[in-house]
Protein backbone atom coordinates (compact mmCIF):
# COMPACT_ATOMS: atom_id res chain seq x y z
CA MET A 1 76.62 52.54 3.53
CA LYS A 2 74.16 51.51 0.76
CA THR A 3 71.79 48.53 1.19
CA GLU A 4 70.66 46.15 -1.71
CA LEU A 5 67.80 43.80 -1.35
CA VAL A 6 68.95 40.05 -2.12
CA THR A 7 66.87 39.91 -5.19
CA THR A 8 69.05 42.94 -6.82
CA LEU A 9 72.18 41.62 -6.07
CA LYS A 10 71.05 38.17 -8.01
CA ARG A 11 70.13 40.43 -11.19
CA GLN A 12 72.73 43.06 -10.83
CA ALA A 13 75.99 41.16 -9.35
CA THR A 14 78.11 42.86 -11.79
CA LYS A 15 76.82 46.59 -11.36
CA ILE A 16 77.02 45.77 -7.50
CA LEU A 17 80.56 44.77 -7.64
CA ALA A 18 81.36 47.26 -9.91
CA GLU A 19 79.66 49.94 -7.29
CA LEU A 20 81.29 48.13 -4.65
CA HIS A 21 85.09 48.77 -5.96
CA GLN A 22 84.02 52.34 -6.79
CA ARG A 23 82.94 52.80 -3.27
CA GLN A 24 85.39 51.18 -1.13
CA GLU A 25 82.86 50.83 1.54
CA PRO A 26 80.25 47.77 2.44
CA ILE A 27 77.00 47.01 1.11
CA LEU A 28 74.13 45.52 3.44
CA ILE A 29 72.44 42.99 1.85
CA THR A 30 69.07 42.56 2.60
CA GLU A 31 66.58 39.52 2.40
CA HIS A 32 62.93 40.08 3.17
CA GLY A 33 63.82 43.04 4.95
CA LYS A 34 66.07 42.11 7.15
CA PRO A 35 70.15 42.56 7.32
CA SER A 36 71.22 39.51 5.99
CA ALA A 37 75.03 40.00 5.11
CA TYR A 38 77.68 42.38 4.20
CA LEU A 39 79.31 42.49 0.82
CA VAL A 40 82.80 43.62 1.09
CA GLU A 41 85.79 44.18 -1.07
CA VAL A 42 88.31 41.39 -0.59
CA GLN A 43 91.17 43.62 0.76
CA TYR A 44 88.74 45.25 3.28
CA PHE A 45 87.64 41.82 4.50
CA GLU A 46 91.70 40.55 4.71
CA ALA A 47 92.42 43.64 6.51
CA MET A 48 89.40 43.04 9.20
CA GLN A 49 90.62 39.66 9.43
CA LYS A 50 94.20 41.14 10.23
CA LYS A 51 92.94 43.28 12.98
CA LEU A 52 90.76 40.90 14.77
CA THR A 53 93.76 38.15 14.53
CA LEU A 54 95.79 41.04 16.89
CA LEU A 55 92.99 42.21 19.04
CA GLU A 56 92.81 38.20 19.82
CA GLY A 57 96.29 38.18 20.85
CA ILE A 58 96.01 41.25 22.69
CA ALA A 59 93.42 39.66 24.59
CA ARG A 60 95.24 36.92 25.28
CA GLY A 61 97.42 38.71 26.91
CA GLU A 62 95.85 40.71 28.97
CA LYS A 63 94.01 37.90 30.28
CA ALA A 64 97.52 36.14 31.09
CA ILE A 65 98.28 39.28 33.00
CA LEU A 66 95.12 38.78 35.13
CA GLU A 67 95.36 35.12 35.52
CA ASN A 68 99.41 35.87 36.81
CA ARG A 69 100.65 34.05 33.91
CA THR A 70 103.87 36.02 33.14
CA VAL A 71 107.25 35.47 33.09
CA SER A 72 110.30 37.99 33.06
CA HIS A 73 112.67 38.85 30.30
CA ASP A 74 115.10 36.73 31.15
CA GLU A 75 113.07 33.78 31.53
CA ALA A 76 111.42 34.39 28.18
CA LYS A 77 114.56 34.47 26.64
CA LYS A 78 116.08 31.23 28.29
CA ARG A 79 112.46 29.42 27.01
CA LEU A 80 113.05 31.03 23.08
CA SER A 81 116.27 30.14 23.17
CA ARG A 82 115.98 27.15 21.83
CA TRP A 83 113.80 28.46 19.00
CA LEU A 84 116.08 30.68 18.31
CA GLU A 85 119.28 28.82 17.69
């Protein structure tokens, strides 16, 4: 992964964006020698958001199972029938 100073980003944003699109991997932006942000392509960010949403749904489902908040398939069909009509 490439690392760039925030001052370099300010001065050479167009060049860094071109490199970002060419390499297709995040760029770590540092400020005062410390990690400050990641610069990522839009498609990469959107894909991460979709994955995060899916993982959060799985986590909610696992929590529901642990808390015994589940229903049978038939009960689920009954509850959803009003939405499917």
